[in-house]
N, C-alpha and C. Protein backbone atom coordinates (compact mmCIF):
# COMPACT_ATOMS: atom_id res chain seq x y z
N MET A 1 42.41 35.89 -60.50
CA MET A 1 40.83 35.19 -60.44
C MET A 1 40.41 35.72 -61.65
N THR A 2 39.58 34.81 -61.85
CA THR A 2 38.73 35.25 -63.26
C THR A 2 37.26 35.29 -62.75
N LEU A 3 36.45 36.08 -63.65
CA LEU A 3 35.39 36.44 -63.24
C LEU A 3 34.10 35.48 -62.96
N VAL A 4 34.04 34.81 -63.71
CA VAL A 4 33.37 33.41 -63.48
C VAL A 4 33.79 32.90 -61.85
N ARG A 5 35.08 32.95 -61.72
CA ARG A 5 35.14 32.28 -60.22
C ARG A 5 35.06 33.31 -59.23
N LEU A 6 34.98 34.67 -59.46
CA LEU A 6 35.21 35.53 -58.31
C LEU A 6 33.25 35.43 -58.11
N GLY A 7 32.35 35.34 -59.11
CA GLY A 7 31.06 35.29 -59.30
C GLY A 7 30.57 33.91 -58.33
N ALA A 8 31.41 33.04 -58.79
CA ALA A 8 31.01 31.80 -57.97
C ALA A 8 31.01 32.26 -56.12
N LEU A 9 32.37 32.71 -55.80
CA LEU A 9 32.79 33.17 -54.61
C LEU A 9 31.55 34.01 -54.09
N ALA A 10 31.16 34.75 -54.69
CA ALA A 10 29.88 35.71 -53.96
C ALA A 10 28.77 35.17 -54.13
N ILE A 11 28.58 34.38 -54.71
CA ILE A 11 27.42 33.45 -54.62
C ILE A 11 27.29 32.55 -53.36
N THR A 12 28.35 31.93 -53.71
CA THR A 12 29.06 30.69 -52.05
C THR A 12 28.62 31.16 -50.93
N GLU A 13 29.59 32.97 -50.64
CA GLU A 13 29.41 33.54 -49.66
C GLU A 13 27.76 33.99 -49.03
N LEU A 14 27.24 34.37 -50.10
CA LEU A 14 25.73 34.93 -49.83
C LEU A 14 24.97 33.60 -49.61
N GLY A 15 25.27 32.45 -49.82
CA GLY A 15 24.27 31.44 -49.74
C GLY A 15 24.67 31.24 -48.09
N ARG A 16 26.04 31.00 -47.65
CA ARG A 16 26.22 30.92 -46.19
C ARG A 16 26.15 31.86 -45.40
N ARG A 17 25.98 33.04 -45.60
CA ARG A 17 25.64 34.17 -44.87
C ARG A 17 24.29 33.90 -43.89
N PRO A 18 23.27 33.66 -44.65
CA PRO A 18 22.05 33.57 -44.05
C PRO A 18 22.05 32.08 -42.75
N ARG A 19 22.70 31.14 -43.16
CA ARG A 19 22.89 30.12 -42.56
C ARG A 19 23.91 30.44 -40.79
N ARG A 20 24.67 31.16 -41.34
CA ARG A 20 25.57 31.88 -39.98
C ARG A 20 25.13 32.52 -39.41
N ILE A 21 23.95 33.65 -40.17
CA ILE A 21 23.29 34.69 -38.96
C ILE A 21 22.12 33.86 -38.26
N ALA A 22 21.72 32.83 -39.36
CA ALA A 22 20.60 32.02 -38.33
C ALA A 22 21.18 31.58 -37.11
N ALA A 23 22.18 30.74 -37.30
CA ALA A 23 23.15 30.22 -36.30
C ALA A 23 23.70 30.78 -34.94
N GLU A 24 24.13 32.24 -35.40
CA GLU A 24 24.39 32.89 -34.08
C GLU A 24 23.24 33.63 -33.50
N LEU A 25 21.96 33.51 -34.12
CA LEU A 25 21.05 34.18 -33.76
C LEU A 25 20.04 32.87 -32.92
N SER A 26 20.12 31.64 -33.30
CA SER A 26 19.34 30.46 -32.79
C SER A 26 19.46 30.46 -31.07
N GLY A 27 20.61 30.54 -30.53
CA GLY A 27 20.50 30.19 -28.85
C GLY A 27 19.98 31.66 -28.61
N PRO A 28 20.10 32.89 -28.98
CA PRO A 28 19.23 33.77 -27.91
C PRO A 28 17.55 33.83 -28.97
N LEU A 29 17.66 33.40 -29.58
CA LEU A 29 16.29 33.49 -30.17
C LEU A 29 15.49 32.13 -29.43
N ARG A 30 15.97 30.95 -29.31
CA ARG A 30 15.55 29.80 -28.57
C ARG A 30 15.19 30.19 -27.13
N ALA A 31 16.03 30.84 -26.39
CA ALA A 31 15.87 31.56 -25.48
C ALA A 31 14.61 32.44 -25.22
N ALA A 32 14.69 33.25 -26.24
CA ALA A 32 13.47 33.89 -26.20
C ALA A 32 12.17 33.64 -26.13
N VAL A 33 12.05 32.45 -26.91
CA VAL A 33 10.82 32.08 -27.07
C VAL A 33 10.38 31.04 -26.31
N ARG A 34 11.39 30.41 -25.40
CA ARG A 34 11.26 29.33 -24.39
C ARG A 34 10.88 30.27 -23.45
N GLY A 35 10.79 31.62 -23.10
CA GLY A 35 10.63 32.38 -21.79
C GLY A 35 9.32 32.72 -22.25
N ALA A 36 8.99 33.22 -23.50
CA ALA A 36 7.67 33.54 -24.00
C ALA A 36 6.81 32.30 -23.76
N VAL A 37 7.13 31.11 -24.23
CA VAL A 37 6.26 30.09 -23.95
C VAL A 37 5.90 29.69 -22.14
N THR A 38 6.81 29.79 -21.47
CA THR A 38 6.93 29.76 -20.35
C THR A 38 6.00 30.53 -19.05
N ALA A 39 5.93 31.81 -19.74
CA ALA A 39 5.28 32.80 -19.55
C ALA A 39 3.61 32.60 -19.63
N ALA A 40 3.55 32.49 -20.91
CA ALA A 40 2.14 31.95 -21.62
C ALA A 40 1.54 30.96 -20.47
N LEU A 41 2.52 29.85 -20.47
CA LEU A 41 1.81 28.60 -19.73
C LEU A 41 1.46 29.00 -18.21
N ASP A 42 2.35 29.87 -17.83
CA ASP A 42 1.96 30.43 -16.25
C ASP A 42 0.77 31.02 -16.43
N GLN A 43 0.38 31.74 -17.36
CA GLN A 43 -1.17 32.15 -17.32
C GLN A 43 -1.97 30.99 -17.42
N LEU A 44 -1.88 30.17 -17.79
CA LEU A 44 -3.00 29.08 -17.94
C LEU A 44 -3.11 27.84 -17.18
N ASP A 45 -4.32 27.79 -16.55
CA ASP A 45 -4.66 26.34 -15.52
C ASP A 45 -4.50 25.30 -16.48
N LEU A 46 -3.21 24.74 -16.62
CA LEU A 46 -3.37 23.36 -17.54
C LEU A 46 -4.33 21.98 -17.16
N THR A 47 -4.11 21.92 -15.80
CA THR A 47 -5.04 20.93 -15.26
C THR A 47 -6.66 21.31 -15.92
N GLN A 48 -7.00 22.27 -15.92
CA GLN A 48 -8.50 22.78 -16.17
C GLN A 48 -8.63 22.71 -17.65
N LEU A 49 -7.33 22.82 -18.48
CA LEU A 49 -7.36 23.08 -19.94
C LEU A 49 -7.31 21.32 -20.47
N VAL A 50 -6.74 20.65 -19.26
CA VAL A 50 -6.40 19.23 -20.00
C VAL A 50 -8.13 18.52 -19.68
N ILE A 51 -8.67 18.68 -18.65
CA ILE A 51 -10.27 18.09 -18.31
C ILE A 51 -11.04 18.50 -19.65
N ASP A 52 -10.91 19.96 -19.88
CA ASP A 52 -11.72 20.63 -20.80
C ASP A 52 -11.82 20.02 -22.00
N CYS A 53 -10.30 19.84 -22.75
CA CYS A 53 -10.00 19.83 -23.71
C CYS A 53 -9.53 18.22 -24.37
N VAL A 54 -9.24 17.56 -23.03
CA VAL A 54 -8.65 15.73 -23.78
C VAL A 54 -9.63 14.74 -23.36
N ASP A 55 -9.75 13.95 -24.17
CA ASP A 55 -10.80 12.91 -23.90
C ASP A 55 -9.67 11.69 -23.28
N LEU A 56 -9.90 11.92 -21.59
CA LEU A 56 -9.20 10.88 -21.15
C LEU A 56 -9.30 9.76 -20.81
N ASP A 57 -10.84 9.44 -21.13
CA ASP A 57 -11.18 7.73 -21.66
C ASP A 57 -10.36 7.37 -22.85
N ARG A 58 -10.41 8.26 -23.79
CA ARG A 58 -9.49 7.72 -25.07
C ARG A 58 -7.72 7.36 -24.72
N VAL A 59 -7.17 8.57 -23.96
CA VAL A 59 -5.96 8.12 -23.28
C VAL A 59 -5.99 7.19 -22.61
N ALA A 60 -6.50 6.95 -21.50
CA ALA A 60 -6.40 5.73 -20.54
C ALA A 60 -6.54 4.30 -21.57
N ALA A 61 -7.42 4.21 -22.87
CA ALA A 61 -7.51 3.09 -23.73
C ALA A 61 -6.33 2.95 -24.27
N GLN A 62 -5.35 3.96 -24.38
CA GLN A 62 -4.06 3.49 -25.05
C GLN A 62 -3.11 2.92 -23.98
N LEU A 63 -3.39 3.47 -22.55
CA LEU A 63 -2.18 2.79 -21.82
C LEU A 63 -2.02 1.28 -21.78
N ASP A 64 -0.81 0.80 -21.54
CA ASP A 64 -0.35 -0.18 -21.10
C ASP A 64 -0.46 -0.54 -19.67
N VAL A 65 -1.19 -1.10 -19.26
CA VAL A 65 -1.53 -1.40 -17.74
C VAL A 65 -0.33 -2.16 -17.26
N GLU A 66 -0.19 -3.07 -17.77
CA GLU A 66 0.75 -4.20 -17.35
C GLU A 66 1.96 -3.63 -17.30
N ALA A 67 2.62 -2.50 -18.15
CA ALA A 67 3.74 -1.92 -18.20
C ALA A 67 3.48 -0.71 -17.17
N VAL A 68 2.53 -0.35 -16.87
CA VAL A 68 2.35 0.80 -15.71
C VAL A 68 2.79 -0.01 -14.15
N ILE A 69 2.01 -1.12 -13.98
CA ILE A 69 1.98 -1.93 -13.07
C ILE A 69 3.58 -2.70 -12.89
N ARG A 70 4.16 -2.91 -13.87
CA ARG A 70 5.66 -3.24 -13.55
C ARG A 70 6.56 -2.21 -13.32
N ARG A 71 6.33 -0.86 -13.51
CA ARG A 71 7.28 0.26 -13.04
C ARG A 71 6.69 0.30 -11.68
N VAL A 72 5.96 -0.17 -11.09
CA VAL A 72 5.32 0.15 -9.75
C VAL A 72 5.99 -0.67 -8.24
N ASP A 73 6.59 -0.17 -7.52
CA ASP A 73 7.36 -0.85 -6.60
C ASP A 73 6.50 -1.67 -5.65
N ILE A 74 5.51 -2.81 -5.65
CA ILE A 74 5.15 -3.05 -5.33
C ILE A 74 5.42 -3.82 -3.57
N VAL A 75 6.55 -4.22 -3.71
CA VAL A 75 7.09 -4.48 -2.18
C VAL A 75 7.60 -3.43 -1.86
N GLY A 76 8.22 -2.34 -2.19
CA GLY A 76 7.98 -1.07 -1.16
C GLY A 76 7.05 -0.74 -0.41
N ILE A 77 5.64 -0.24 -1.42
CA ILE A 77 4.36 -0.43 -1.10
C ILE A 77 4.08 -0.71 -0.26
N CYS A 78 3.89 -2.20 -0.20
CA CYS A 78 3.80 -3.04 1.30
C CYS A 78 4.66 -3.39 2.31
N ARG A 79 5.92 -2.83 2.31
CA ARG A 79 6.55 -3.00 2.99
C ARG A 79 6.53 -1.28 3.76
N GLN A 80 5.65 -0.24 3.35
CA GLN A 80 5.30 0.82 3.79
C GLN A 80 4.18 0.84 4.42
N VAL A 81 3.44 -0.14 4.08
CA VAL A 81 1.86 -0.19 4.58
C VAL A 81 2.02 -1.39 5.55
N VAL A 82 2.95 -2.29 5.87
CA VAL A 82 3.37 -2.83 6.97
C VAL A 82 3.81 -1.82 7.91
N ILE A 83 4.61 -1.09 7.78
CA ILE A 83 5.12 -0.01 9.03
C ILE A 83 3.82 0.65 9.42
N ASP A 84 3.31 1.22 8.38
CA ASP A 84 2.21 2.41 8.82
C ASP A 84 1.22 1.96 9.43
N ILE A 85 0.80 0.21 9.18
CA ILE A 85 -0.18 -0.21 10.11
C ILE A 85 0.22 -0.89 11.38
N ASP A 86 1.69 -0.91 11.36
CA ASP A 86 2.25 -1.93 12.55
C ASP A 86 1.90 -3.06 12.79
N LEU A 87 1.84 -3.58 11.75
CA LEU A 87 1.63 -5.18 11.67
C LEU A 87 1.98 -5.88 12.44
N PRO A 88 3.38 -5.77 12.93
CA PRO A 88 3.83 -6.64 14.17
C PRO A 88 3.13 -6.45 15.10
N GLU A 89 2.85 -5.46 15.58
CA GLU A 89 2.09 -5.29 17.15
C GLU A 89 0.75 -5.81 16.50
N ILE A 90 -0.01 -5.76 15.44
CA ILE A 90 -1.56 -6.19 15.17
C ILE A 90 -1.30 -7.63 15.65
N ILE A 91 -0.19 -8.29 14.71
CA ILE A 91 -0.10 -9.75 15.31
C ILE A 91 -0.04 -10.07 16.58
N ARG A 92 1.14 -9.64 17.28
CA ARG A 92 1.12 -9.82 18.80
C ARG A 92 -0.23 -9.43 19.54
N GLU A 93 -0.79 -8.53 19.27
CA GLU A 93 -2.11 -8.29 20.23
C GLU A 93 -3.12 -9.39 19.64
N SER A 94 -2.95 -9.71 18.57
CA SER A 94 -4.08 -11.04 18.25
C SER A 94 -3.76 -12.52 18.66
N THR A 95 -2.45 -12.64 18.35
CA THR A 95 -1.91 -13.63 19.12
C THR A 95 -1.83 -13.92 20.94
N VAL A 96 -1.82 -12.64 21.41
CA VAL A 96 -2.11 -12.75 23.02
C VAL A 96 -3.57 -13.08 23.40
N SER A 97 -4.39 -12.42 22.27
CA SER A 97 -5.81 -12.34 22.63
C SER A 97 -6.34 -13.85 22.15
N MET A 98 -5.84 -14.60 21.30
CA MET A 98 -5.94 -16.11 20.70
C MET A 98 -6.08 -16.79 21.94
N ALA A 99 -4.75 -16.68 22.23
CA ALA A 99 -4.09 -17.68 23.53
C ALA A 99 -4.64 -17.44 24.67
N SER A 100 -5.00 -16.19 25.19
CA SER A 100 -5.92 -15.93 26.04
C SER A 100 -7.36 -16.39 25.89
N GLU A 101 -7.85 -16.52 25.12
CA GLU A 101 -9.49 -17.09 24.46
C GLU A 101 -8.95 -18.49 24.69
N SER A 102 -8.02 -19.18 24.13
CA SER A 102 -7.91 -20.73 23.96
C SER A 102 -7.53 -21.02 25.54
N VAL A 103 -6.70 -20.34 26.49
CA VAL A 103 -6.89 -20.67 27.86
C VAL A 103 -8.08 -20.57 28.68
N ARG A 104 -8.92 -19.65 28.16
CA ARG A 104 -10.23 -19.51 28.95
C ARG A 104 -10.82 -20.89 28.42
N ASP A 105 -10.91 -20.97 27.28
CA ASP A 105 -12.21 -22.25 26.71
C ASP A 105 -11.36 -23.24 27.29
N VAL A 106 -10.24 -23.85 27.40
CA VAL A 106 -9.38 -25.05 27.96
C VAL A 106 -9.95 -24.99 29.66
N ARG A 107 -9.98 -23.72 30.36
CA ARG A 107 -10.37 -23.76 31.67
C ARG A 107 -11.47 -24.20 32.22
N MET A 108 -12.26 -23.59 31.20
CA MET A 108 -14.05 -23.69 30.95
C MET A 108 -14.07 -25.37 30.72
N ARG A 109 -13.45 -25.65 30.09
CA ARG A 109 -13.82 -27.16 29.54
C ARG A 109 -13.36 -28.18 30.72
N SER A 110 -12.40 -27.97 31.07
CA SER A 110 -11.55 -28.58 32.40
C SER A 110 -12.74 -28.47 33.78
N ILE A 111 -13.05 -27.67 33.75
CA ILE A 111 -14.11 -27.21 34.74
C ILE A 111 -15.44 -28.07 34.41
N SER A 112 -15.80 -28.27 32.98
CA SER A 112 -17.09 -29.04 33.13
C SER A 112 -16.74 -30.40 33.50
N ALA A 113 -15.47 -30.94 32.81
CA ALA A 113 -14.96 -32.35 32.97
C ALA A 113 -15.11 -32.51 34.09
N ASP A 114 -14.36 -31.46 35.06
CA ASP A 114 -14.40 -31.75 36.76
C ASP A 114 -15.77 -32.04 37.33
N GLN A 115 -16.49 -31.12 37.02
CA GLN A 115 -18.01 -31.03 37.59
C GLN A 115 -18.70 -32.46 37.03
N PHE A 116 -18.34 -32.93 35.89
CA PHE A 116 -19.16 -34.04 34.68
C PHE A 116 -18.38 -35.28 35.80
N VAL A 117 -16.92 -35.45 36.08
CA VAL A 117 -16.34 -36.72 36.56
C VAL A 117 -17.07 -36.76 38.11
N SER A 118 -17.10 -35.58 38.67
CA SER A 118 -17.04 -35.55 40.38
C SER A 118 -18.74 -36.03 40.35
N THR A 119 -19.79 -35.82 39.49
CA THR A 119 -20.93 -36.39 39.77
C THR A 119 -21.23 -37.80 39.02
N TRP A 120 -20.33 -38.17 38.55
CA TRP A 120 -20.33 -39.76 38.57
C TRP A 120 -19.53 -40.56 39.51
N VAL A 121 -18.86 -39.60 39.84
CA VAL A 121 -17.92 -40.46 41.09
C VAL A 121 -18.99 -40.48 42.33
N ARG A 122 -19.80 -39.54 42.83
CA ARG A 122 -20.75 -39.31 43.51
C ARG A 122 -22.01 -40.66 43.37
N ARG A 123 -22.01 -40.44 42.10
CA ARG A 123 -23.23 -41.52 41.69
C ARG A 123 -22.73 -42.83 42.36
N ILE A 124 -21.71 -43.32 42.02
CA ILE A 124 -20.81 -44.39 42.17
C ILE A 124 -20.65 -44.46 43.52
N LEU A 125 -20.21 -43.69 44.34
CA LEU A 125 -19.34 -43.99 45.81
C LEU A 125 -20.57 -43.68 46.63
N ARG A 126 -21.67 -42.78 46.52
CA ARG A 126 -22.69 -42.79 46.90
C ARG A 126 -23.88 -42.57 46.61
N PRO A 127 -24.68 -43.63 45.98
CA PRO A 127 -25.62 -43.76 45.61
C PRO A 127 -26.91 -43.03 45.83
N GLY A 128 -27.06 -42.96 47.12
CA GLY A 128 -28.45 -42.53 47.38
C GLY A 128 -28.31 -40.75 47.61
N HIS A 129 -27.15 -40.17 47.24
CA HIS A 129 -26.81 -39.03 47.15
C HIS A 129 -26.23 -38.00 46.19
N ALA A 130 -26.96 -38.72 44.97
CA ALA A 130 -26.21 -38.68 43.84
C ALA A 130 -26.56 -37.29 43.20
N ASP A 131 -27.69 -36.59 43.36
CA ASP A 131 -28.20 -34.89 42.89
C ASP A 131 -27.36 -34.08 44.16
N ALA A 132 -26.61 -34.58 45.18
CA ALA A 132 -26.28 -33.47 46.31
C ALA A 132 -25.26 -32.47 45.50
N PRO A 133 -24.94 -31.29 46.09
CA PRO A 133 -23.52 -30.66 45.63
C PRO A 133 -22.44 -31.18 46.00
N PRO A 134 -21.45 -31.25 45.19
CA PRO A 134 -20.16 -31.75 45.59
C PRO A 134 -19.94 -31.17 46.87
N ALA A 135 -19.17 -31.75 47.68
CA ALA A 135 -18.94 -31.14 49.00
C ALA A 135 -17.55 -30.22 49.07
N THR A 136 -18.05 -29.10 49.50
CA THR A 136 -16.64 -27.83 49.71
C THR A 136 -15.88 -28.06 51.20
N GLY A 137 -15.00 -27.49 50.82
CA GLY A 137 -14.07 -27.21 52.40
C GLY A 137 -12.89 -28.56 52.08
N SER A 138 -12.51 -28.73 53.39
CA SER A 138 -11.39 -29.69 53.49
C SER A 138 -11.75 -31.21 53.03
N ALA A 139 -10.88 -32.03 52.57
CA ALA A 139 -10.95 -33.00 51.98
C ALA A 139 -11.49 -34.13 53.07
N THR A 140 -11.38 -33.88 54.41
CA THR A 140 -11.69 -34.63 55.78
C THR A 140 -13.02 -34.40 56.44
N ALA A 141 -13.79 -33.82 55.24
CA ALA A 141 -15.23 -33.54 56.11
C ALA A 141 -15.99 -34.40 56.58
N ALA A 142 -16.80 -34.31 57.34
CA ALA A 142 -17.23 -35.75 57.72
C ALA A 142 -18.50 -36.37 57.06
N PRO A 143 -18.30 -37.57 57.02
CA PRO A 143 -19.56 -38.18 55.90
C PRO A 143 -20.79 -37.96 56.61
N ASP A 144 -21.94 -37.72 55.68
CA ASP A 144 -23.35 -37.18 56.32
C ASP A 144 -24.16 -38.30 56.46
N ASP A 145 -23.68 -39.81 56.26
CA ASP A 145 -24.76 -40.84 57.16
C ASP A 145 -23.89 -41.65 57.91
N GLN A 146 -23.56 -41.19 59.15
CA GLN A 146 -22.57 -41.85 60.10
C GLN A 146 -23.44 -42.17 61.15
């Protein structure tokens, strides 16, 4: 082996050595740095740091709101709202209430119509007693003018 070649090998080996040492230390060094950073961050109130140091309006202006909305499970949220407020029970209660009010309204209108018809029947059949109240009791009550 010539002296030149031996010198070249030595220089090459010296060039590899720092890289090899750096490669051997990179794992433990990264772990140590990660531990130090984690310990430092544990001592900070990151929320307050962001509030104090970050322009949230500027960050919000950069947001793609439509992309955020596309990521939201709106159907899932709606299902949970329906479950939480018990929408089927609300519908049942309102339907029963509406049906009850409708029946009551029909009954009241029927009573009014019955009174209207009764008044006209009395006027037609008994002209002298048009303002008399309708007869109560049995249908075979004795007429007043016998």
